[in-house]
């Protein structure tokens, strides 16, 4: 297995996209992603393309700059709500599949 190398992903919002700069890449690696969840895989692919590294050997340290008009508190609340909704849906599916009821 190849040794893991850490790269920094500087993420800045521009319209509907996150523009990602990877300063460790000498030629100025820049890419984009729709969501922050996509950043690690996108950066790993960029590093692999530019350095011939195995994408599995790339670790990504994200630094996010929300920019004006974006509220990180609201983003965090939306993330928590999404996780809560997913958990509720999973619980309903488990109850339905197993016949378990809670009273």
N, C-alpha and C. Protein backbone atom coordinates (compact mmCIF):
# COMPACT_ATOMS: atom_id res chain seq x y z
N UNK A 1 0.84 -1.18 0.00
CA UNK A 1 0.00 0.00 0.00
C UNK A 1 0.89 1.25 0.00
N UNK A 2 0.52 2.22 -0.81
CA UNK A 2 1.29 3.46 -0.92
C UNK A 2 1.13 4.29 0.35
N UNK A 3 2.18 5.03 0.72
CA UNK A 3 2.06 5.89 1.90
C UNK A 3 1.03 6.99 1.65
N UNK A 4 0.37 7.40 2.71
CA UNK A 4 -0.66 8.44 2.60
C UNK A 4 0.00 9.82 2.60
N UNK A 5 -0.42 10.67 1.69
CA UNK A 5 0.06 12.04 1.61
C UNK A 5 -1.12 12.97 1.80
N UNK A 6 -0.94 13.99 2.64
CA UNK A 6 -2.02 14.93 2.94
C UNK A 6 -1.89 16.15 2.05
N UNK A 7 -3.02 16.53 1.47
CA UNK A 7 -3.11 17.73 0.64
C UNK A 7 -4.16 18.65 1.24
N UNK A 8 -3.97 19.95 1.06
CA UNK A 8 -4.92 20.94 1.56
C UNK A 8 -5.88 21.32 0.44
N UNK A 9 -7.17 21.35 0.78
CA UNK A 9 -8.19 21.80 -0.17
C UNK A 9 -8.74 23.12 0.34
N UNK A 10 -8.38 24.21 -0.33
CA UNK A 10 -8.90 25.53 0.02
C UNK A 10 -10.20 25.72 -0.76
N UNK A 11 -11.32 25.72 -0.04
CA UNK A 11 -12.64 25.73 -0.68
C UNK A 11 -13.28 27.10 -0.52
N UNK A 12 -13.70 27.66 -1.63
CA UNK A 12 -14.36 28.97 -1.60
C UNK A 12 -15.59 28.93 -2.50
N UNK A 13 -16.68 29.40 -1.97
CA UNK A 13 -17.95 29.37 -2.69
C UNK A 13 -17.96 30.42 -3.79
N UNK A 14 -18.36 30.00 -5.00
CA UNK A 14 -18.57 30.91 -6.12
C UNK A 14 -19.84 30.48 -6.84
N UNK A 15 -20.92 31.19 -6.59
CA UNK A 15 -22.21 30.83 -7.18
C UNK A 15 -22.69 29.50 -6.66
N UNK A 16 -23.01 28.59 -7.57
CA UNK A 16 -23.51 27.26 -7.20
C UNK A 16 -22.39 26.26 -6.94
N UNK A 17 -21.15 26.66 -7.10
CA UNK A 17 -20.01 25.74 -7.01
C UNK A 17 -19.07 26.11 -5.89
N UNK A 18 -18.32 25.10 -5.40
CA UNK A 18 -17.18 25.32 -4.53
C UNK A 18 -15.95 25.23 -5.41
N UNK A 19 -15.14 26.30 -5.45
CA UNK A 19 -13.89 26.29 -6.19
C UNK A 19 -12.81 25.84 -5.21
N UNK A 20 -12.03 24.84 -5.61
CA UNK A 20 -11.07 24.21 -4.72
C UNK A 20 -9.67 24.39 -5.28
N UNK A 21 -8.79 24.97 -4.47
CA UNK A 21 -7.39 25.13 -4.85
C UNK A 21 -6.56 24.21 -3.96
N UNK A 22 -5.61 23.52 -4.56
CA UNK A 22 -4.72 22.62 -3.83
C UNK A 22 -3.31 23.21 -3.93
N UNK A 23 -2.89 23.96 -2.89
CA UNK A 23 -1.62 24.68 -2.99
C UNK A 23 -0.38 23.79 -3.07
N UNK A 24 -0.46 22.54 -2.60
CA UNK A 24 0.69 21.65 -2.65
C UNK A 24 1.05 21.22 -4.07
N UNK A 25 0.13 21.36 -4.99
CA UNK A 25 0.41 21.00 -6.38
C UNK A 25 1.15 22.16 -7.04
N UNK A 26 2.35 21.89 -7.51
CA UNK A 26 3.22 22.95 -8.03
C UNK A 26 2.61 23.73 -9.18
N UNK A 27 1.85 23.08 -10.00
CA UNK A 27 1.28 23.76 -11.17
C UNK A 27 -0.04 24.45 -10.85
N UNK A 28 -0.38 24.55 -9.57
CA UNK A 28 -1.58 25.27 -9.17
C UNK A 28 -2.85 24.50 -9.46
N UNK A 29 -3.04 23.39 -8.79
CA UNK A 29 -4.22 22.57 -9.02
C UNK A 29 -5.49 23.25 -8.55
N UNK A 30 -6.42 23.39 -9.48
CA UNK A 30 -7.73 23.98 -9.17
C UNK A 30 -8.79 23.07 -9.77
N UNK A 31 -9.85 22.84 -9.00
CA UNK A 31 -10.98 22.05 -9.46
C UNK A 31 -12.24 22.63 -8.84
N UNK A 32 -13.36 21.97 -9.02
CA UNK A 32 -14.62 22.47 -8.45
C UNK A 32 -15.51 21.30 -8.05
N UNK A 33 -16.45 21.61 -7.14
CA UNK A 33 -17.41 20.61 -6.69
C UNK A 33 -18.72 21.31 -6.37
N UNK A 34 -19.82 20.59 -6.54
CA UNK A 34 -21.13 21.14 -6.20
C UNK A 34 -21.34 21.23 -4.69
N UNK A 35 -20.87 20.19 -3.96
CA UNK A 35 -21.06 20.15 -2.52
C UNK A 35 -19.73 19.88 -1.83
N UNK A 36 -19.66 20.22 -0.54
CA UNK A 36 -18.44 19.97 0.22
C UNK A 36 -18.20 18.47 0.41
N UNK A 37 -19.27 17.68 0.37
CA UNK A 37 -19.11 16.22 0.49
C UNK A 37 -18.29 15.65 -0.67
N UNK A 38 -18.33 16.31 -1.81
CA UNK A 38 -17.63 15.83 -3.00
C UNK A 38 -16.14 16.20 -3.00
N UNK A 39 -15.74 17.11 -2.12
CA UNK A 39 -14.38 17.66 -2.17
C UNK A 39 -13.29 16.60 -2.00
N UNK A 40 -13.32 15.73 -0.98
CA UNK A 40 -12.22 14.78 -0.83
C UNK A 40 -11.98 13.91 -2.07
N UNK A 41 -13.04 13.37 -2.65
CA UNK A 41 -12.89 12.52 -3.84
C UNK A 41 -12.42 13.33 -5.04
N UNK A 42 -12.94 14.55 -5.17
CA UNK A 42 -12.55 15.41 -6.29
C UNK A 42 -11.07 15.77 -6.20
N UNK A 43 -10.62 16.11 -4.99
CA UNK A 43 -9.21 16.46 -4.80
C UNK A 43 -8.32 15.22 -5.01
N UNK A 44 -8.74 14.08 -4.51
CA UNK A 44 -7.96 12.85 -4.72
C UNK A 44 -7.80 12.56 -6.21
N UNK A 45 -8.87 12.74 -6.98
CA UNK A 45 -8.80 12.53 -8.42
C UNK A 45 -7.85 13.53 -9.09
N UNK A 46 -7.91 14.80 -8.66
CA UNK A 46 -7.04 15.83 -9.22
C UNK A 46 -5.57 15.50 -8.92
N UNK A 47 -5.28 15.15 -7.67
CA UNK A 47 -3.91 14.81 -7.28
C UNK A 47 -3.42 13.60 -8.08
N UNK A 48 -4.27 12.59 -8.22
CA UNK A 48 -3.89 11.40 -8.98
C UNK A 48 -3.58 11.76 -10.43
N UNK A 49 -4.39 12.62 -11.01
CA UNK A 49 -4.20 13.04 -12.40
C UNK A 49 -2.88 13.80 -12.57
N UNK A 50 -2.58 14.67 -11.60
CA UNK A 50 -1.41 15.54 -11.74
C UNK A 50 -0.11 14.92 -11.25
N UNK A 51 -0.18 13.89 -10.40
CA UNK A 51 1.05 13.33 -9.82
C UNK A 51 1.22 11.84 -10.05
N UNK A 52 0.25 11.20 -10.67
CA UNK A 52 0.25 9.74 -10.85
C UNK A 52 0.16 8.99 -9.54
N UNK A 53 -0.30 9.64 -8.47
CA UNK A 53 -0.47 8.98 -7.18
C UNK A 53 -1.74 8.13 -7.21
N UNK A 54 -1.80 7.15 -6.34
CA UNK A 54 -3.01 6.36 -6.16
C UNK A 54 -4.00 7.21 -5.38
N UNK A 55 -5.23 7.42 -5.88
CA UNK A 55 -6.21 8.24 -5.16
C UNK A 55 -6.44 7.76 -3.72
N UNK A 56 -6.27 6.47 -3.49
CA UNK A 56 -6.48 5.94 -2.13
C UNK A 56 -5.38 6.40 -1.18
N UNK A 57 -4.26 6.90 -1.71
CA UNK A 57 -3.15 7.35 -0.86
C UNK A 57 -3.24 8.84 -0.56
N UNK A 58 -4.32 9.48 -0.98
CA UNK A 58 -4.48 10.92 -0.80
C UNK A 58 -5.43 11.20 0.36
N UNK A 59 -4.93 11.95 1.33
CA UNK A 59 -5.76 12.42 2.43
C UNK A 59 -5.98 13.91 2.21
N UNK A 60 -7.20 14.38 2.48
CA UNK A 60 -7.54 15.77 2.19
C UNK A 60 -7.88 16.51 3.47
N UNK A 61 -7.22 17.64 3.68
CA UNK A 61 -7.50 18.53 4.79
C UNK A 61 -8.24 19.74 4.22
N UNK A 62 -9.54 19.84 4.48
CA UNK A 62 -10.36 20.91 3.89
C UNK A 62 -10.31 22.17 4.75
N UNK A 63 -10.15 23.30 4.07
CA UNK A 63 -10.26 24.61 4.71
C UNK A 63 -11.32 25.37 3.92
N UNK A 64 -12.43 25.66 4.59
CA UNK A 64 -13.60 26.21 3.91
C UNK A 64 -13.75 27.69 4.24
N UNK A 65 -13.88 28.49 3.19
CA UNK A 65 -14.20 29.91 3.34
C UNK A 65 -15.57 30.11 2.73
N UNK A 66 -16.55 30.38 3.58
CA UNK A 66 -17.93 30.48 3.10
C UNK A 66 -18.17 31.72 2.27
N UNK A 67 -17.41 32.76 2.53
CA UNK A 67 -17.60 34.00 1.79
C UNK A 67 -18.77 34.79 2.33
N UNK A 68 -18.96 36.00 1.83
CA UNK A 68 -20.06 36.83 2.32
C UNK A 68 -21.40 36.24 1.93
N UNK A 69 -22.36 36.36 2.81
CA UNK A 69 -23.72 35.92 2.49
C UNK A 69 -23.99 34.48 2.84
N UNK A 70 -22.98 33.71 3.22
CA UNK A 70 -23.20 32.33 3.63
C UNK A 70 -23.03 32.24 5.14
N UNK A 71 -23.96 31.61 5.77
CA UNK A 71 -23.95 31.47 7.22
C UNK A 71 -23.59 30.03 7.57
N UNK A 72 -22.40 29.82 8.11
CA UNK A 72 -21.97 28.46 8.44
C UNK A 72 -22.85 27.84 9.51
N UNK A 73 -23.44 28.65 10.38
CA UNK A 73 -24.38 28.13 11.37
C UNK A 73 -25.58 27.49 10.70
N UNK A 74 -26.12 28.16 9.68
CA UNK A 74 -27.25 27.60 8.94
C UNK A 74 -26.85 26.33 8.19
N UNK A 75 -25.65 26.34 7.62
CA UNK A 75 -25.17 25.16 6.91
C UNK A 75 -25.07 23.99 7.88
N UNK A 76 -24.54 24.24 9.08
CA UNK A 76 -24.42 23.18 10.09
C UNK A 76 -25.79 22.66 10.51
N UNK A 77 -26.75 23.56 10.70
CA UNK A 77 -28.10 23.14 11.08
C UNK A 77 -28.74 22.30 9.99
N UNK A 78 -28.53 22.67 8.74
CA UNK A 78 -29.06 21.89 7.62
C UNK A 78 -28.43 20.50 7.59
N UNK A 79 -27.13 20.42 7.87
CA UNK A 79 -26.46 19.13 7.90
C UNK A 79 -27.03 18.24 9.00
N UNK A 80 -27.23 18.82 10.19
CA UNK A 80 -27.79 18.06 11.30
C UNK A 80 -29.20 17.59 10.97
N UNK A 81 -29.99 18.47 10.37
CA UNK A 81 -31.36 18.10 10.00
C UNK A 81 -31.36 16.97 8.98
N UNK A 82 -30.44 17.02 8.03
CA UNK A 82 -30.35 15.96 7.02
C UNK A 82 -29.99 14.63 7.65
N UNK A 83 -29.05 14.64 8.58
CA UNK A 83 -28.67 13.40 9.28
C UNK A 83 -29.85 12.88 10.08
N UNK A 84 -30.55 13.77 10.78
CA UNK A 84 -31.72 13.36 11.56
C UNK A 84 -32.80 12.75 10.69
N UNK A 85 -33.04 13.34 9.54
CA UNK A 85 -34.05 12.82 8.61
C UNK A 85 -33.63 11.44 8.10
N UNK A 86 -32.37 11.28 7.76
CA UNK A 86 -31.88 9.99 7.29
C UNK A 86 -32.03 8.92 8.37
N UNK A 87 -31.75 9.28 9.61
CA UNK A 87 -31.89 8.32 10.72
C UNK A 87 -33.35 7.93 10.90
N UNK A 88 -34.25 8.90 10.79
CA UNK A 88 -35.68 8.60 10.94
C UNK A 88 -36.16 7.67 9.83
N UNK A 89 -35.73 7.92 8.61
CA UNK A 89 -36.12 7.07 7.48
C UNK A 89 -35.57 5.65 7.69
N UNK A 90 -34.31 5.55 8.12
CA UNK A 90 -33.71 4.23 8.36
C UNK A 90 -34.48 3.49 9.46
N UNK A 91 -34.85 4.19 10.52
CA UNK A 91 -35.60 3.55 11.61
C UNK A 91 -36.95 3.04 11.11
N UNK A 92 -37.65 3.84 10.29
CA UNK A 92 -38.93 3.40 9.73
C UNK A 92 -38.75 2.15 8.88
N UNK A 93 -37.68 2.11 8.09
CA UNK A 93 -37.43 0.95 7.23
C UNK A 93 -37.14 -0.29 8.08
N UNK A 94 -36.37 -0.13 9.15
CA UNK A 94 -36.07 -1.26 10.04
C UNK A 94 -37.34 -1.75 10.70
N UNK A 95 -38.14 -0.83 11.22
CA UNK A 95 -39.40 -1.22 11.87
C UNK A 95 -40.30 -1.94 10.88
N UNK A 96 -40.38 -1.45 9.67
CA UNK A 96 -41.23 -2.05 8.65
C UNK A 96 -40.75 -3.45 8.29
N UNK A 97 -39.43 -3.60 8.15
CA UNK A 97 -38.87 -4.89 7.74
C UNK A 97 -38.92 -5.94 8.85
N UNK A 98 -38.85 -5.50 10.10
CA UNK A 98 -38.74 -6.45 11.19
C UNK A 98 -40.03 -6.57 12.00
N UNK A 99 -40.95 -5.65 11.79
CA UNK A 99 -42.20 -5.66 12.56
C UNK A 99 -42.04 -5.15 13.98
N UNK A 100 -40.92 -4.52 14.29
CA UNK A 100 -40.66 -3.97 15.62
C UNK A 100 -41.49 -2.71 15.80
N UNK A 101 -42.13 -2.60 16.94
CA UNK A 101 -42.84 -1.34 17.24
C UNK A 101 -42.39 -0.87 18.61
N UNK A 102 -42.40 0.42 18.77
CA UNK A 102 -42.01 1.03 20.05
C UNK A 102 -43.22 1.73 20.63
N UNK A 103 -43.53 1.41 21.87
CA UNK A 103 -44.67 2.03 22.54
C UNK A 103 -44.25 2.63 23.83
